[in-house]
Amino acid sequence: MAVLVEDVTVWGVAGIVYAPDTLKPVPSDGEQFTPVAYGDRRIPWTLACREVVALNGCTVVSLEDLAQQTAA
């Protein structure tokens, strides 16, 4: 199986957020990393581990069908 995606939007990052006044990590809601959107005031204080993207217009396809369509 594969997924065709119509639109990929860069949303933000996931990482460890630090408090600007204490420089200590801010506790997250039980998750390993906190998602922080670009434009969020916390972004300069976030040590990013992953980029977060939104996938829109997703269609599941068979790899066999996809190979046949592209070979034609």
PDB file of N, CA and C in Angstrom:
ATOM      1  N   MET A   1       0.825  -1.182   0.000  1.00  0.00           N
ATOM      2  CA  MET A   1       0.000   0.000   0.000  1.00  0.00           C
ATOM      3  C   MET A   1       0.871   1.247   0.000  1.00  0.00           C
ATOM      4  N   ALA A   2       0.306   2.303  -0.544  1.00  0.00           N
ATOM      5  CA  ALA A   2       0.962   3.610  -0.578  1.00  0.00           C
ATOM      6  C   ALA A   2      -0.117   4.669  -0.417  1.00  0.00           C
ATOM      7  N   VAL A   3       0.304   5.889  -0.187  1.00  0.00           N
ATOM      8  CA  VAL A   3      -0.632   6.995  -0.034  1.00  0.00           C
ATOM      9  C   VAL A   3      -0.201   8.122  -0.958  1.00  0.00           C
ATOM     10  N   LEU A   4      -1.132   8.592  -1.781  1.00  0.00           N
ATOM     11  CA  LEU A   4      -0.893   9.776  -2.602  1.00  0.00           C
ATOM     12  C   LEU A   4      -1.393  10.975  -1.814  1.00  0.00           C
ATOM     13  N   VAL A   5      -0.614  12.051  -1.797  1.00  0.00           N
ATOM     14  CA  VAL A   5      -0.952  13.234  -1.012  1.00  0.00           C
ATOM     15  C   VAL A   5      -1.053  14.431  -1.950  1.00  0.00           C
ATOM     16  N   GLU A   6      -2.184  15.147  -1.881  1.00  0.00           N
ATOM     17  CA  GLU A   6      -2.390  16.311  -2.739  1.00  0.00           C
ATOM     18  C   GLU A   6      -1.642  17.538  -2.229  1.00  0.00           C
ATOM     19  N   ASP A   7      -1.606  17.727  -0.919  1.00  0.00           N
ATOM     20  CA  ASP A   7      -1.020  18.947  -0.357  1.00  0.00           C
ATOM     21  C   ASP A   7      -0.275  18.632   0.934  1.00  0.00           C
ATOM     22  N   VAL A   8       0.947  19.118   1.040  1.00  0.00           N
ATOM     23  CA  VAL A   8       1.757  18.979   2.251  1.00  0.00           C
ATOM     24  C   VAL A   8       2.008  20.385   2.792  1.00  0.00           C
ATOM     25  N   THR A   9       1.577  20.629   4.034  1.00  0.00           N
ATOM     26  CA  THR A   9       1.747  21.942   4.650  1.00  0.00           C
ATOM     27  C   THR A   9       2.669  21.810   5.857  1.00  0.00           C
ATOM     28  N   VAL A  10       3.745  22.600   5.862  1.00  0.00           N
ATOM     29  CA  VAL A  10       4.646  22.611   7.012  1.00  0.00           C
ATOM     30  C   VAL A  10       3.918  23.322   8.145  1.00  0.00           C
ATOM     31  N   TRP A  11       3.784  22.660   9.298  1.00  0.00           N
ATOM     32  CA  TRP A  11       3.002  23.182  10.411  1.00  0.00           C
ATOM     33  C   TRP A  11       3.881  23.746  11.525  1.00  0.00           C
ATOM     34  N   GLY A  12       4.908  23.011  11.908  1.00  0.00           N
ATOM     35  CA  GLY A  12       5.752  23.438  13.016  1.00  0.00           C
ATOM     36  C   GLY A  12       6.775  22.376  13.356  1.00  0.00           C
ATOM     37  N   VAL A  13       7.089  22.261  14.635  1.00  0.00           N
ATOM     38  CA  VAL A  13       8.079  21.290  15.098  1.00  0.00           C
ATOM     39  C   VAL A  13       7.547  20.569  16.333  1.00  0.00           C
ATOM     40  N   ALA A  14       8.193  19.479  16.675  1.00  0.00           N
ATOM     41  CA  ALA A  14       7.947  18.781  17.933  1.00  0.00           C
ATOM     42  C   ALA A  14       9.282  18.690  18.639  1.00  0.00           C
ATOM     43  N   GLY A  15       9.296  19.058  19.905  1.00  0.00           N
ATOM     44  CA  GLY A  15      10.555  19.033  20.630  1.00  0.00           C
ATOM     45  C   GLY A  15      10.370  19.356  22.092  1.00  0.00           C
ATOM     46  N   ILE A  16      11.451  19.779  22.719  1.00  0.00           N
ATOM     47  CA  ILE A  16      11.439  20.114  24.141  1.00  0.00           C
ATOM     48  C   ILE A  16      11.388  21.631  24.261  1.00  0.00           C
ATOM     49  N   VAL A  17      10.360  22.128  24.957  1.00  0.00           N
ATOM     50  CA  VAL A  17      10.187  23.568  25.154  1.00  0.00           C
ATOM     51  C   VAL A  17      10.848  23.957  26.473  1.00  0.00           C
ATOM     52  N   TYR A  18      11.632  25.039  26.433  1.00  0.00           N
ATOM     53  CA  TYR A  18      12.310  25.547  27.622  1.00  0.00           C
ATOM     54  C   TYR A  18      11.679  26.863  28.062  1.00  0.00           C
ATOM     55  N   ALA A  19      11.617  27.076  29.382  1.00  0.00           N
ATOM     56  CA  ALA A  19      11.094  28.321  29.935  1.00  0.00           C
ATOM     57  C   ALA A  19      12.158  29.409  29.783  1.00  0.00           C
ATOM     58  N   PRO A  20      11.818  30.563  29.206  1.00  0.00           N
ATOM     59  CA  PRO A  20      12.831  31.603  28.997  1.00  0.00           C
ATOM     60  C   PRO A  20      13.391  32.189  30.293  1.00  0.00           C
ATOM     61  N   ASP A  21      12.623  32.178  31.371  1.00  0.00           N
ATOM     62  CA  ASP A  21      13.103  32.773  32.621  1.00  0.00           C
ATOM     63  C   ASP A  21      14.009  31.849  33.429  1.00  0.00           C
ATOM     64  N   THR A  22      13.771  30.535  33.350  1.00  0.00           N
ATOM     65  CA  THR A  22      14.578  29.587  34.139  1.00  0.00           C
ATOM     66  C   THR A  22      15.504  28.727  33.282  1.00  0.00           C
ATOM     67  N   LEU A  23      15.245  28.678  31.994  1.00  0.00           N
ATOM     68  CA  LEU A  23      15.975  27.828  31.041  1.00  0.00           C
ATOM     69  C   LEU A  23      15.853  26.347  31.378  1.00  0.00           C
ATOM     70  N   LYS A  24      14.783  25.981  32.085  1.00  0.00           N
ATOM     71  CA  LYS A  24      14.505  24.581  32.393  1.00  0.00           C
ATOM     72  C   LYS A  24      13.414  24.079  31.458  1.00  0.00           C
ATOM     73  N   PRO A  25      13.414  22.778  31.165  1.00  0.00           N
ATOM     74  CA  PRO A  25      12.369  22.227  30.296  1.00  0.00           C
ATOM     75  C   PRO A  25      10.982  22.408  30.917  1.00  0.00           C
ATOM     76  N   VAL A  26      10.028  22.772  30.066  1.00  0.00           N
ATOM     77  CA  VAL A  26       8.636  22.898  30.485  1.00  0.00           C
ATOM     78  C   VAL A  26       8.009  21.513  30.402  1.00  0.00           C
ATOM     79  N   PRO A  27       7.345  21.047  31.467  1.00  0.00           N
ATOM     80  CA  PRO A  27       6.721  19.717  31.412  1.00  0.00           C
ATOM     81  C   PRO A  27       5.680  19.649  30.294  1.00  0.00           C
ATOM     82  N   SER A  28       5.655  18.527  29.588  1.00  0.00           N
ATOM     83  CA  SER A  28       4.660  18.326  28.535  1.00  0.00           C
ATOM     84  C   SER A  28       3.492  17.527  29.098  1.00  0.00           C
ATOM     85  N   ASP A  29       2.470  17.363  28.288  1.00  0.00           N
ATOM     86  CA  ASP A  29       1.256  16.652  28.710  1.00  0.00           C
ATOM     87  C   ASP A  29       1.419  15.144  28.586  1.00  0.00           C
ATOM     88  N   GLY A  30       2.492  14.602  29.136  1.00  0.00           N
ATOM     89  CA  GLY A  30       2.702  13.159  29.104  1.00  0.00           C
ATOM     90  C   GLY A  30       3.326  12.663  27.814  1.00  0.00           C
ATOM     91  N   GLU A  31       3.512  13.542  26.839  1.00  0.00           N
ATOM     92  CA  GLU A  31       4.137  13.158  25.578  1.00  0.00           C
ATOM     93  C   GLU A  31       5.641  13.381  25.676  1.00  0.00           C
ATOM     94  N   GLN A  32       6.378  12.675  24.840  1.00  0.00           N
ATOM     95  CA  GLN A  32       7.831  12.828  24.847  1.00  0.00           C
ATOM     96  C   GLN A  32       8.231  14.210  24.325  1.00  0.00           C
ATOM     97  N   PHE A  33       7.562  14.661  23.243  1.00  0.00           N
ATOM     98  CA  PHE A  33       7.853  15.958  22.647  1.00  0.00           C
ATOM     99  C   PHE A  33       6.580  16.793  22.571  1.00  0.00           C
ATOM    100  N   THR A  34       6.742  18.104  22.670  1.00  0.00           N
ATOM    101  CA  THR A  34       5.612  19.021  22.592  1.00  0.00           C
ATOM    102  C   THR A  34       5.522  19.577  21.173  1.00  0.00           C
ATOM    103  N   PRO A  35       4.335  19.499  20.529  1.00  0.00           N
ATOM    104  CA  PRO A  35       4.184  20.123  19.215  1.00  0.00           C
ATOM    105  C   PRO A  35       4.051  21.639  19.375  1.00  0.00           C
ATOM    106  N   VAL A  36       4.807  22.391  18.568  1.00  0.00           N
ATOM    107  CA  VAL A  36       4.784  23.852  18.616  1.00  0.00           C
ATOM    108  C   VAL A  36       4.674  24.354  17.181  1.00  0.00           C
ATOM    109  N   ALA A  37       3.644  25.134  16.906  1.00  0.00           N
ATOM    110  CA  ALA A  37       3.422  25.659  15.554  1.00  0.00           C
ATOM    111  C   ALA A  37       4.387  26.797  15.252  1.00  0.00           C
ATOM    112  N   TYR A  38       4.744  26.934  13.965  1.00  0.00           N
ATOM    113  CA  TYR A  38       5.508  28.106  13.551  1.00  0.00           C
ATOM    114  C   TYR A  38       4.635  29.321  13.838  1.00  0.00           C
ATOM    115  N   GLY A  39       5.207  30.364  14.363  1.00  0.00           N
ATOM    116  CA  GLY A  39       4.444  31.540  14.745  1.00  0.00           C
ATOM    117  C   GLY A  39       4.076  31.551  16.218  1.00  0.00           C
ATOM    118  N   ASP A  40       4.188  30.417  16.886  1.00  0.00           N
ATOM    119  CA  ASP A  40       3.928  30.328  18.329  1.00  0.00           C
ATOM    120  C   ASP A  40       5.052  31.052  19.070  1.00  0.00           C
ATOM    121  N   ARG A  41       4.716  31.755  20.133  1.00  0.00           N
ATOM    122  CA  ARG A  41       5.720  32.512  20.887  1.00  0.00           C
ATOM    123  C   ARG A  41       6.769  31.611  21.543  1.00  0.00           C
ATOM    124  N   ARG A  42       6.480  30.312  21.665  1.00  0.00           N
ATOM    125  CA  ARG A  42       7.430  29.374  22.270  1.00  0.00           C
ATOM    126  C   ARG A  42       8.467  28.838  21.282  1.00  0.00           C
ATOM    127  N   ILE A  43       8.302  29.108  19.996  1.00  0.00           N
ATOM    128  CA  ILE A  43       9.187  28.496  18.992  1.00  0.00           C
ATOM    129  C   ILE A  43      10.667  28.835  19.217  1.00  0.00           C
ATOM    130  N   PRO A  44      11.043  30.060  19.635  1.00  0.00           N
ATOM    131  CA  PRO A  44      12.470  30.300  19.865  1.00  0.00           C
ATOM    132  C   PRO A  44      13.036  29.528  21.056  1.00  0.00           C
ATOM    133  N   TRP A  45      12.150  29.047  21.928  1.00  0.00           N
ATOM    134  CA  TRP A  45      12.574  28.336  23.135  1.00  0.00           C
ATOM    135  C   TRP A  45      12.370  26.834  23.018  1.00  0.00           C
ATOM    136  N   THR A  46      12.218  26.364  21.790  1.00  0.00           N
ATOM    137  CA  THR A  46      11.978  24.944  21.541  1.00  0.00           C
ATOM    138  C   THR A  46      13.194  24.309  20.881  1.00  0.00           C
ATOM    139  N   LEU A  47      13.677  23.238  21.483  1.00  0.00           N
ATOM    140  CA  LEU A  47      14.726  22.431  20.879  1.00  0.00           C
ATOM    141  C   LEU A  47      14.016  21.380  20.021  1.00  0.00           C
ATOM    142  N   ALA A  48      13.976  21.619  18.723  1.00  0.00           N
ATOM    143  CA  ALA A  48      13.205  20.772  17.816  1.00  0.00           C
ATOM    144  C   ALA A  48      13.887  19.433  17.580  1.00  0.00           C
ATOM    145  N   CYS A  49      13.083  18.381  17.586  1.00  0.00           N
ATOM    146  CA  CYS A  49      13.561  17.035  17.280  1.00  0.00           C
ATOM    147  C   CYS A  49      12.958  16.523  15.976  1.00  0.00           C
ATOM    148  N   ARG A  50      11.773  17.056  15.646  1.00  0.00           N
ATOM    149  CA  ARG A  50      11.064  16.609  14.447  1.00  0.00           C
ATOM    150  C   ARG A  50      10.324  17.795  13.828  1.00  0.00           C
ATOM    151  N   GLU A  51      10.183  17.756  12.516  1.00  0.00           N
ATOM    152  CA  GLU A  51       9.331  18.718  11.836  1.00  0.00           C
ATOM    153  C   GLU A  51       7.932  18.114  11.758  1.00  0.00           C
ATOM    154  N   VAL A  52       6.913  18.942  11.926  1.00  0.00           N
ATOM    155  CA  VAL A  52       5.530  18.486  11.865  1.00  0.00           C
ATOM    156  C   VAL A  52       4.891  19.050  10.603  1.00  0.00           C
ATOM    157  N   VAL A  53       4.313  18.168   9.792  1.00  0.00           N
ATOM    158  CA  VAL A  53       3.635  18.587   8.573  1.00  0.00           C
ATOM    159  C   VAL A  53       2.211  18.053   8.578  1.00  0.00           C
ATOM    160  N   ALA A  54       1.330  18.759   7.864  1.00  0.00           N
ATOM    161  CA  ALA A  54      -0.054  18.310   7.694  1.00  0.00           C
ATOM    162  C   ALA A  54      -0.191  17.743   6.287  1.00  0.00           C
ATOM    163  N   LEU A  55      -0.759  16.552   6.187  1.00  0.00           N
ATOM    164  CA  LEU A  55      -0.983  15.914   4.898  1.00  0.00           C
ATOM    165  C   LEU A  55      -2.466  16.015   4.573  1.00  0.00           C
ATOM    166  N   ASN A  56      -2.796  16.638   3.447  1.00  0.00           N
ATOM    167  CA  ASN A  56      -4.191  16.843   3.057  1.00  0.00           C
ATOM    168  C   ASN A  56      -4.466  16.184   1.716  1.00  0.00           C
ATOM    169  N   GLY A  57      -5.679  15.707   1.551  1.00  0.00           N
ATOM    170  CA  GLY A  57      -6.072  15.058   0.304  1.00  0.00           C
ATOM    171  C   GLY A  57      -5.377  13.728   0.115  1.00  0.00           C
ATOM    172  N   CYS A  58      -5.385  12.887   1.136  1.00  0.00           N
ATOM    173  CA  CYS A  58      -4.696  11.598   1.094  1.00  0.00           C
ATOM    174  C   CYS A  58      -5.574  10.525   0.451  1.00  0.00           C
ATOM    175  N   THR A  59      -4.967   9.741  -0.450  1.00  0.00           N
ATOM    176  CA  THR A  59      -5.661   8.637  -1.106  1.00  0.00           C
ATOM    177  C   THR A  59      -4.792   7.391  -1.000  1.00  0.00           C
ATOM    178  N   VAL A  60      -5.352   6.324  -0.445  1.00  0.00           N
ATOM    179  CA  VAL A  60      -4.628   5.053  -0.335  1.00  0.00           C
ATOM    180  C   VAL A  60      -4.705   4.346  -1.682  1.00  0.00           C
ATOM    181  N   VAL A  61      -3.553   3.884  -2.163  1.00  0.00           N
ATOM    182  CA  VAL A  61      -3.488   3.178  -3.444  1.00  0.00           C
ATOM    183  C   VAL A  61      -2.644   1.922  -3.288  1.00  0.00           C
ATOM    184  N   SER A  62      -2.887   0.985  -4.163  1.00  0.00           N
ATOM    185  CA  SER A  62      -2.089  -0.235  -4.210  1.00  0.00           C
ATOM    186  C   SER A  62      -0.817   0.057  -5.006  1.00  0.00           C
ATOM    187  N   LEU A  63       0.311  -0.449  -4.550  1.00  0.00           N
ATOM    188  CA  LEU A  63       1.567  -0.246  -5.278  1.00  0.00           C
ATOM    189  C   LEU A  63       1.520  -0.898  -6.657  1.00  0.00           C
ATOM    190  N   GLU A  64       0.838  -2.016  -6.758  1.00  0.00           N
ATOM    191  CA  GLU A  64       0.707  -2.693  -8.055  1.00  0.00           C
ATOM    192  C   GLU A  64      -0.079  -1.825  -9.024  1.00  0.00           C
ATOM    193  N   ASP A  65      -1.204  -1.265  -8.562  1.00  0.00           N
ATOM    194  CA  ASP A  65      -2.014  -0.391  -9.424  1.00  0.00           C
ATOM    195  C   ASP A  65      -1.235   0.853  -9.810  1.00  0.00           C
ATOM    196  N   LEU A  66      -0.486   1.400  -8.877  1.00  0.00           N
ATOM    197  CA  LEU A  66       0.301   2.602  -9.144  1.00  0.00           C
ATOM    198  C   LEU A  66       1.387   2.307 -10.201  1.00  0.00           C
ATOM    199  N   ALA A  67       2.037   1.151 -10.096  1.00  0.00           N
ATOM    200  CA  ALA A  67       3.066   0.778 -11.064  1.00  0.00           C
ATOM    201  C   ALA A  67       2.463   0.614 -12.448  1.00  0.00           C
ATOM    202  N   GLN A  68       1.274   0.025 -12.557  1.00  0.00           N
ATOM    203  CA  GLN A  68       0.596  -0.143 -13.838  1.00  0.00           C
ATOM    204  C   GLN A  68       0.206   1.203 -14.444  1.00  0.00           C
ATOM    205  N   GLN A  69      -0.253   2.121 -13.613  1.00  0.00           N
ATOM    206  CA  GLN A  69      -0.679   3.439 -14.104  1.00  0.00           C
ATOM    207  C   GLN A  69       0.511   4.249 -14.606  1.00  0.00           C
ATOM    208  N   THR A  70       1.621   4.165 -13.930  1.00  0.00           N
ATOM    209  CA  THR A  70       2.783   4.966 -14.322  1.00  0.00           C
ATOM    210  C   THR A  70       3.517   4.342 -15.508  1.00  0.00           C
ATOM    211  N   ALA A  71       3.367   3.025 -15.714  1.00  0.00           N
ATOM    212  CA  ALA A  71       4.030   2.345 -16.826  1.00  0.00           C
ATOM    213  C   ALA A  71       3.309   2.638 -18.140  1.00  0.00           C
ATOM    214  N   ALA A  72       2.040   2.992 -18.078  1.00  0.00           N
ATOM    215  CA  ALA A  72       1.244   3.216 -19.288  1.00  0.00           C
ATOM    216  C   ALA A  72       1.564   4.521 -19.961  1.00  0.00           C
TER     217      ALA A  72
END
